[in-house]
């Protein structure tokens, strides 16, 4: 079961991104299953090498291209989850139903797109669907991870990243809590803004036990490390759920024939372990600062 305070998730449930990439290169979509297996094997490699992955690692895989791998991961004792949403859909739609057949992992992730200026009826219907999914997850004993994507439209990028997106994320979390949508984890976009991080942290922490994990947006590892540094100073930060930043380049090199499978696997495992190390380093530094400021507080 996912740890409440530490989650190092390799998110490999991407579907439409792989379909577009394969179609553009006349590569059969059946090959997508090969990169899912590659991500799984790289996770196993990382788990062999790191006790932190063994304790806190998790894997996210889709049923569309990875159903047999989900079964293999569960048999290997891995915390493996499956996504509920139809890939790329807005408004929110389900990938498949009924849930008991479609959501075979130990936890459930659902991605929802949101902006405060979306039509109210769309926002209400998405919340209704999320509440129905939450009810099913609770009955099935499966933790729920709600991923929120807030797209920039006409706003200046810097202002939106530091204020606009955090405000909309906080608004969504507040609306969800008002309706008693309380997932075990919020999967959110990272920020370099300390102010923005505090806004989101306060919203998530308004319910006891609220936790956030940082998604990757295909950013480079240096950028993600900077997001981790900001997130580590918040009370609700519990880890990350990152995928393309870890596996995309090695996997595309493998599929296109530019790199052998073994080399791609090694690089994916190394990228993932770098993120684990970066998170641990940033959390330790934040704890040390807190301890120096408040000497009576124990170091986390």
Protein backbone atom coordinates (compact mmCIF):
# COMPACT_ATOMS: atom_id res chain seq x y z
CA UNK A 1 0.00 0.00 0.00
CA UNK A 2 1.23 3.51 -0.79
CA UNK A 3 3.07 5.15 2.08
CA UNK A 4 1.28 8.18 3.49
CA UNK A 5 4.36 10.39 3.71
CA UNK A 6 6.70 9.09 0.98
CA UNK A 7 5.82 8.16 -2.58
CA UNK A 8 8.43 7.71 -5.32
CA UNK A 9 6.19 6.93 -8.27
CA UNK A 10 7.34 6.08 -11.78
CA UNK A 11 4.34 7.12 -13.85
CA UNK A 12 4.25 5.12 -17.08
CA UNK A 13 0.54 5.22 -17.93
CA UNK A 14 0.94 7.48 -20.99
CA UNK A 15 -1.19 6.47 -23.94
CA UNK A 16 -2.05 9.21 -26.44
CA UNK A 17 1.51 10.56 -26.33
CA UNK A 18 2.87 7.19 -27.42
CA UNK A 19 0.16 6.76 -30.04
CA UNK A 20 1.01 10.12 -31.62
CA UNK A 21 4.72 9.39 -31.54
CA UNK A 22 4.35 5.96 -33.13
CA UNK A 23 1.87 7.12 -35.77
CA UNK A 24 4.17 9.95 -36.85
CA UNK A 25 6.98 7.47 -37.46
CA UNK A 26 4.96 4.59 -38.93
CA UNK A 27 5.81 2.43 -35.92
CA UNK A 28 3.11 -0.08 -35.03
CA UNK A 29 1.18 0.83 -31.89
CA UNK A 30 1.70 -2.71 -30.68
CA UNK A 31 5.27 -1.65 -29.89
CA UNK A 32 3.95 0.59 -27.12
CA UNK A 33 3.69 -2.52 -24.97
CA UNK A 34 7.46 -2.91 -25.38
CA UNK A 35 8.20 0.45 -23.74
CA UNK A 36 5.78 -0.32 -20.93
CA UNK A 37 7.68 -3.52 -20.25
CA UNK A 38 10.91 -1.55 -20.44
CA UNK A 39 9.69 0.88 -17.75
CA UNK A 40 8.63 -2.04 -15.56
CA UNK A 41 11.98 -3.77 -15.90
CA UNK A 42 13.81 -0.50 -15.15
CA UNK A 43 11.71 -0.08 -12.01
CA UNK A 44 12.67 -3.61 -10.95
CA UNK A 45 16.33 -2.73 -11.53
CA UNK A 46 16.01 0.40 -9.39
CA UNK A 47 14.23 -1.56 -6.67
CA UNK A 48 17.09 -4.05 -6.58
CA UNK A 49 19.59 -1.23 -6.15
CA UNK A 50 17.77 1.03 -3.69
CA UNK A 51 16.12 0.28 -0.33
CA UNK A 52 14.28 3.59 -0.69
CA UNK A 53 12.56 2.34 -3.83
CA UNK A 54 11.77 -0.92 -2.09
CA UNK A 55 10.15 0.97 0.77
CA UNK A 56 8.46 3.85 -1.05
CA UNK A 57 8.52 3.11 -4.77
CA UNK A 58 5.33 2.83 -6.82
CA UNK A 59 4.49 2.21 -10.44
CA UNK A 60 1.64 3.58 -12.55
CA UNK A 61 0.66 1.60 -15.66
CA UNK A 62 -2.37 1.66 -17.94
CA UNK A 63 -4.56 -1.30 -18.69
CA UNK A 64 -4.71 -0.53 -22.42
CA UNK A 65 -1.10 -1.38 -23.23
CA UNK A 66 0.10 -2.83 -19.93
CA UNK A 67 -2.56 -5.18 -18.57
CA UNK A 68 -0.26 -8.19 -18.31
CA UNK A 69 2.51 -6.03 -16.81
CA UNK A 70 0.14 -4.75 -14.10
CA UNK A 71 -0.44 -8.38 -13.17
CA UNK A 72 3.30 -9.10 -13.15
CA UNK A 73 3.99 -6.02 -11.00
CA UNK A 74 1.36 -7.02 -8.46
CA UNK A 75 2.82 -10.52 -8.26
CA UNK A 76 6.25 -8.98 -7.66
CA UNK A 77 4.86 -7.11 -4.65
CA UNK A 78 5.04 -3.67 -6.28
CA UNK A 79 2.56 -0.92 -5.44
CA UNK A 80 1.11 -0.64 -8.93
CA UNK A 81 -1.80 1.60 -9.89
CA UNK A 82 -3.98 2.11 -12.93
CA UNK A 83 -5.55 5.27 -14.43
CA UNK A 84 -9.31 5.76 -14.59
CA UNK A 85 -9.52 8.56 -17.16
CA UNK A 86 -9.82 8.25 -20.91
CA UNK A 87 -6.49 9.48 -22.21
CA UNK A 88 -6.53 13.08 -23.40
CA UNK A 89 -10.23 13.60 -22.70
CA UNK A 90 -11.82 16.87 -21.62
CA UNK A 91 -14.25 16.94 -19.94
CA UNK A 92 -13.35 13.93 -17.82
CA UNK A 93 -14.42 10.59 -19.27
CA UNK A 94 -13.67 7.05 -18.18
CA UNK A 95 -11.18 4.86 -20.02
CA UNK A 96 -13.31 1.79 -19.42
CA UNK A 97 -16.10 0.52 -17.24
CA UNK A 98 -17.05 -1.15 -14.96
CA UNK A 99 -14.37 -0.04 -12.56
CA UNK A 100 -13.91 -3.45 -10.98
CA UNK A 101 -12.71 -4.83 -14.31
CA UNK A 102 -10.85 -1.76 -15.57
CA UNK A 103 -9.01 -0.64 -12.43
CA UNK A 104 -6.99 -3.69 -11.53
CA UNK A 105 -4.13 -1.99 -9.69
CA UNK A 106 -3.71 -1.50 -5.96
CA UNK A 107 -4.42 2.23 -6.29
CA UNK A 108 -6.22 4.47 -8.78
CA UNK A 109 -5.08 7.63 -10.53
CA UNK A 110 -7.42 10.01 -12.32
CA UNK A 111 -6.39 13.06 -14.33
CA UNK A 112 -8.75 16.01 -14.52
CA UNK A 113 -8.29 19.26 -16.44
CA UNK A 114 -9.55 22.38 -14.70
CA UNK A 115 -9.69 26.12 -14.94
CA UNK A 116 -11.84 28.50 -12.94
CA UNK A 117 -13.12 30.04 -16.19
CA UNK A 118 -14.39 26.71 -17.55
CA UNK A 119 -18.16 26.39 -17.84
CA UNK A 120 -19.70 25.77 -14.42
CA UNK A 121 -21.70 22.80 -15.71
CA UNK A 122 -18.48 21.13 -16.88
CA UNK A 123 -16.79 21.70 -13.54
CA UNK A 124 -19.79 20.32 -11.64
CA UNK A 125 -20.04 17.22 -13.82
CA UNK A 126 -16.34 16.48 -13.43
CA UNK A 127 -16.66 16.72 -9.65
CA UNK A 128 -19.68 14.44 -9.74
CA UNK A 129 -17.67 11.83 -11.63
CA UNK A 130 -14.74 12.17 -9.26
CA UNK A 131 -17.02 11.64 -6.28
CA UNK A 132 -18.42 8.49 -7.89
CA UNK A 133 -14.89 7.22 -8.47
CA UNK A 134 -13.92 8.05 -4.88
CA UNK A 135 -16.92 6.11 -3.57
CA UNK A 136 -15.90 3.08 -5.62
CA UNK A 137 -12.25 3.35 -4.50
CA UNK A 138 -13.25 3.48 -0.86
CA UNK A 139 -15.46 0.45 -1.27
CA UNK A 140 -12.64 -1.39 -3.03
CA UNK A 141 -10.01 -0.30 -0.50
CA UNK A 142 -7.87 1.44 -3.13
CA UNK A 143 -6.17 4.80 -2.50
CA UNK A 144 -7.15 7.55 -4.95
CA UNK A 145 -4.67 9.91 -6.59
CA UNK A 146 -6.27 12.96 -8.24
CA UNK A 147 -4.06 14.68 -10.80
CA UNK A 148 -4.98 18.28 -11.65
CA UNK A 149 -3.74 19.95 -14.84
CA UNK A 150 -4.31 23.69 -15.16
CA UNK A 151 -3.48 24.92 -18.65
CA UNK A 152 -2.20 28.43 -19.35
CA UNK A 153 -4.26 30.26 -21.95
CA UNK A 154 -3.72 33.98 -22.53
CA UNK A 155 -1.95 34.79 -19.27
CA UNK A 156 1.69 35.97 -19.18
CA UNK A 157 3.75 32.87 -18.45
CA UNK A 158 5.73 34.13 -15.45
CA UNK A 159 2.68 35.52 -13.64
CA UNK A 160 0.64 32.42 -14.40
CA UNK A 161 3.34 30.07 -13.09
CA UNK A 162 3.84 32.01 -9.86
CA UNK A 163 0.27 33.09 -9.09
CA UNK A 164 -2.35 32.06 -11.65
CA UNK A 165 -1.90 28.30 -11.66
CA UNK A 166 -1.41 27.99 -7.87
CA UNK A 167 -4.58 30.03 -7.28
CA UNK A 168 -6.58 27.80 -9.64
CA UNK A 169 -5.14 24.63 -8.11
CA UNK A 170 -6.09 25.90 -4.66
CA UNK A 171 -9.58 26.77 -5.89
CA UNK A 172 -10.09 23.28 -7.28
CA UNK A 173 -8.91 21.64 -4.05
CA UNK A 174 -11.21 23.92 -2.05
CA UNK A 175 -14.22 23.09 -4.22
CA UNK A 176 -13.37 19.40 -3.95
CA UNK A 177 -13.17 19.53 -0.17
CA UNK A 178 -16.49 21.38 0.00
CA UNK A 179 -18.03 18.41 -1.83
CA UNK A 180 -16.13 15.89 0.35
CA UNK A 181 -13.82 14.81 -2.43
CA UNK A 182 -10.76 13.96 -0.33
CA UNK A 183 -8.25 11.80 -2.21
CA UNK A 184 -5.30 10.24 -0.49
CA UNK A 185 -2.95 12.22 -2.75
CA UNK A 186 -3.16 15.25 -5.01
CA UNK A 187 -0.85 14.97 -8.01
CA UNK A 188 0.05 18.53 -8.97
CA UNK A 189 2.36 20.58 -11.14
CA UNK A 190 5.55 21.79 -9.51
CA UNK A 191 6.43 25.45 -9.16
CA UNK A 192 9.50 27.61 -8.58
CA UNK A 193 7.36 30.12 -6.70
CA UNK A 194 7.56 29.85 -2.91
CA UNK A 195 4.40 31.94 -2.67
CA UNK A 196 2.56 29.70 -5.12
CA UNK A 197 3.68 26.59 -3.26
CA UNK A 198 2.39 28.01 0.02
CA UNK A 199 -0.99 28.77 -1.54
CA UNK A 200 -1.39 25.19 -2.77
CA UNK A 201 0.00 23.73 0.45
CA UNK A 202 -2.52 25.66 2.54
CA UNK A 203 -5.39 24.47 0.36
CA UNK A 204 -4.34 20.81 0.49
CA UNK A 205 -3.59 20.99 4.21
CA UNK A 206 -7.07 22.32 4.96
CA UNK A 207 -8.11 18.68 5.43
CA UNK A 208 -6.15 16.60 7.90
CA UNK A 209 -3.79 14.21 6.15
CA UNK A 210 -3.85 16.06 2.81
CA UNK A 211 -0.83 15.08 0.70
CA UNK A 212 0.62 16.23 -2.61
CA UNK A 213 2.98 14.53 -5.04
CA UNK A 214 4.75 16.42 -7.82
CA UNK A 215 4.30 15.53 -11.49
CA UNK A 216 6.97 16.05 -14.11
CA UNK A 217 5.51 17.62 -17.29
CA UNK A 218 8.43 16.07 -19.23
CA UNK A 219 10.79 18.64 -17.68
CA UNK A 220 14.51 18.02 -17.37
CA UNK A 221 15.85 16.65 -14.11
CA UNK A 222 17.50 19.95 -13.14
CA UNK A 223 14.17 21.78 -13.35
CA UNK A 224 12.41 19.06 -11.37
CA UNK A 225 15.07 19.26 -8.68
CA UNK A 226 14.33 22.99 -8.37
CA UNK A 227 10.61 22.18 -7.96
CA UNK A 228 11.53 19.65 -5.28
CA UNK A 229 13.49 22.30 -3.40
CA UNK A 230 10.37 24.47 -3.20
CA UNK A 231 7.98 21.60 -2.45
CA UNK A 232 10.21 20.28 0.35
CA UNK A 233 9.42 23.40 2.39
CA UNK A 234 5.70 22.62 2.44
CA UNK A 235 3.93 20.49 5.02
CA UNK A 236 1.89 18.40 2.57
CA UNK A 237 4.66 17.33 0.16
CA UNK A 238 4.96 13.54 0.05
CA UNK A 239 7.01 12.79 -3.06
CA UNK A 240 6.57 12.61 -6.80
CA UNK A 241 4.84 10.85 -9.67
CA UNK A 242 7.00 11.41 -12.74
CA UNK A 243 7.25 9.58 -16.05
CA UNK A 244 8.39 11.11 -19.35
CA UNK A 245 11.28 12.97 -17.69
CA UNK A 246 12.55 9.53 -16.67
CA UNK A 247 11.80 7.26 -19.59
CA UNK A 248 10.88 9.21 -22.75
CA UNK A 249 14.28 9.78 -24.35
CA UNK A 250 15.67 6.31 -23.57
CA UNK A 251 12.43 4.67 -24.68
CA UNK A 252 12.17 6.54 -27.97
CA UNK A 253 15.81 5.74 -28.68
CA UNK A 254 15.04 2.07 -28.07
CA UNK A 255 11.89 2.02 -30.24
CA UNK A 256 13.59 3.85 -33.10
CA UNK A 257 16.56 1.49 -33.03
CA UNK A 258 19.04 4.17 -31.93
CA UNK A 259 19.85 2.40 -28.64
CA UNK A 260 19.81 -1.22 -27.47
CA UNK A 261 17.26 -2.25 -24.88
CA UNK A 262 19.86 -2.83 -22.18
CA UNK A 263 21.22 0.70 -22.50
CA UNK A 264 17.73 2.20 -22.42
CA UNK A 265 16.83 0.17 -19.33
CA UNK A 266 19.99 1.30 -17.51
CA UNK A 267 19.31 4.94 -18.29
CA UNK A 268 15.68 4.81 -17.16
CA UNK A 269 16.65 3.16 -13.89
CA UNK A 270 19.41 5.74 -13.37
CA UNK A 271 17.10 8.69 -14.11
CA UNK A 272 14.53 7.36 -11.66
CA UNK A 273 17.13 6.82 -8.95
CA UNK A 274 18.42 10.36 -9.53
CA UNK A 275 14.94 11.69 -8.77
CA UNK A 276 14.72 9.59 -5.62
CA UNK A 277 18.07 10.95 -4.53
CA UNK A 278 17.10 14.53 -5.37
CA UNK A 279 13.90 14.29 -3.34
CA UNK A 280 15.68 12.83 -0.33
CA UNK A 281 18.39 15.50 -0.50
CA UNK A 282 15.90 18.35 -0.71
CA UNK A 283 13.79 16.98 2.14
CA UNK A 284 16.87 16.52 4.32
CA UNK A 285 18.02 20.08 3.62
CA UNK A 286 14.57 21.44 4.45
CA UNK A 287 14.46 19.47 7.69
CA UNK A 288 17.90 20.75 8.67
CA UNK A 289 16.82 24.36 8.07
CA UNK A 290 13.69 23.78 10.16
CA UNK A 291 15.76 22.25 12.95
CA UNK A 292 18.18 25.19 12.97
CA UNK A 293 15.26 27.63 13.11
CA UNK A 294 13.42 25.62 15.76
CA UNK A 295 16.07 23.66 17.71
CA UNK A 296 13.46 21.78 19.70
CA UNK A 297 11.98 20.23 16.58
CA UNK A 298 13.32 16.79 15.55
CA UNK A 299 14.90 16.42 12.11
CA UNK A 300 12.62 14.48 9.77
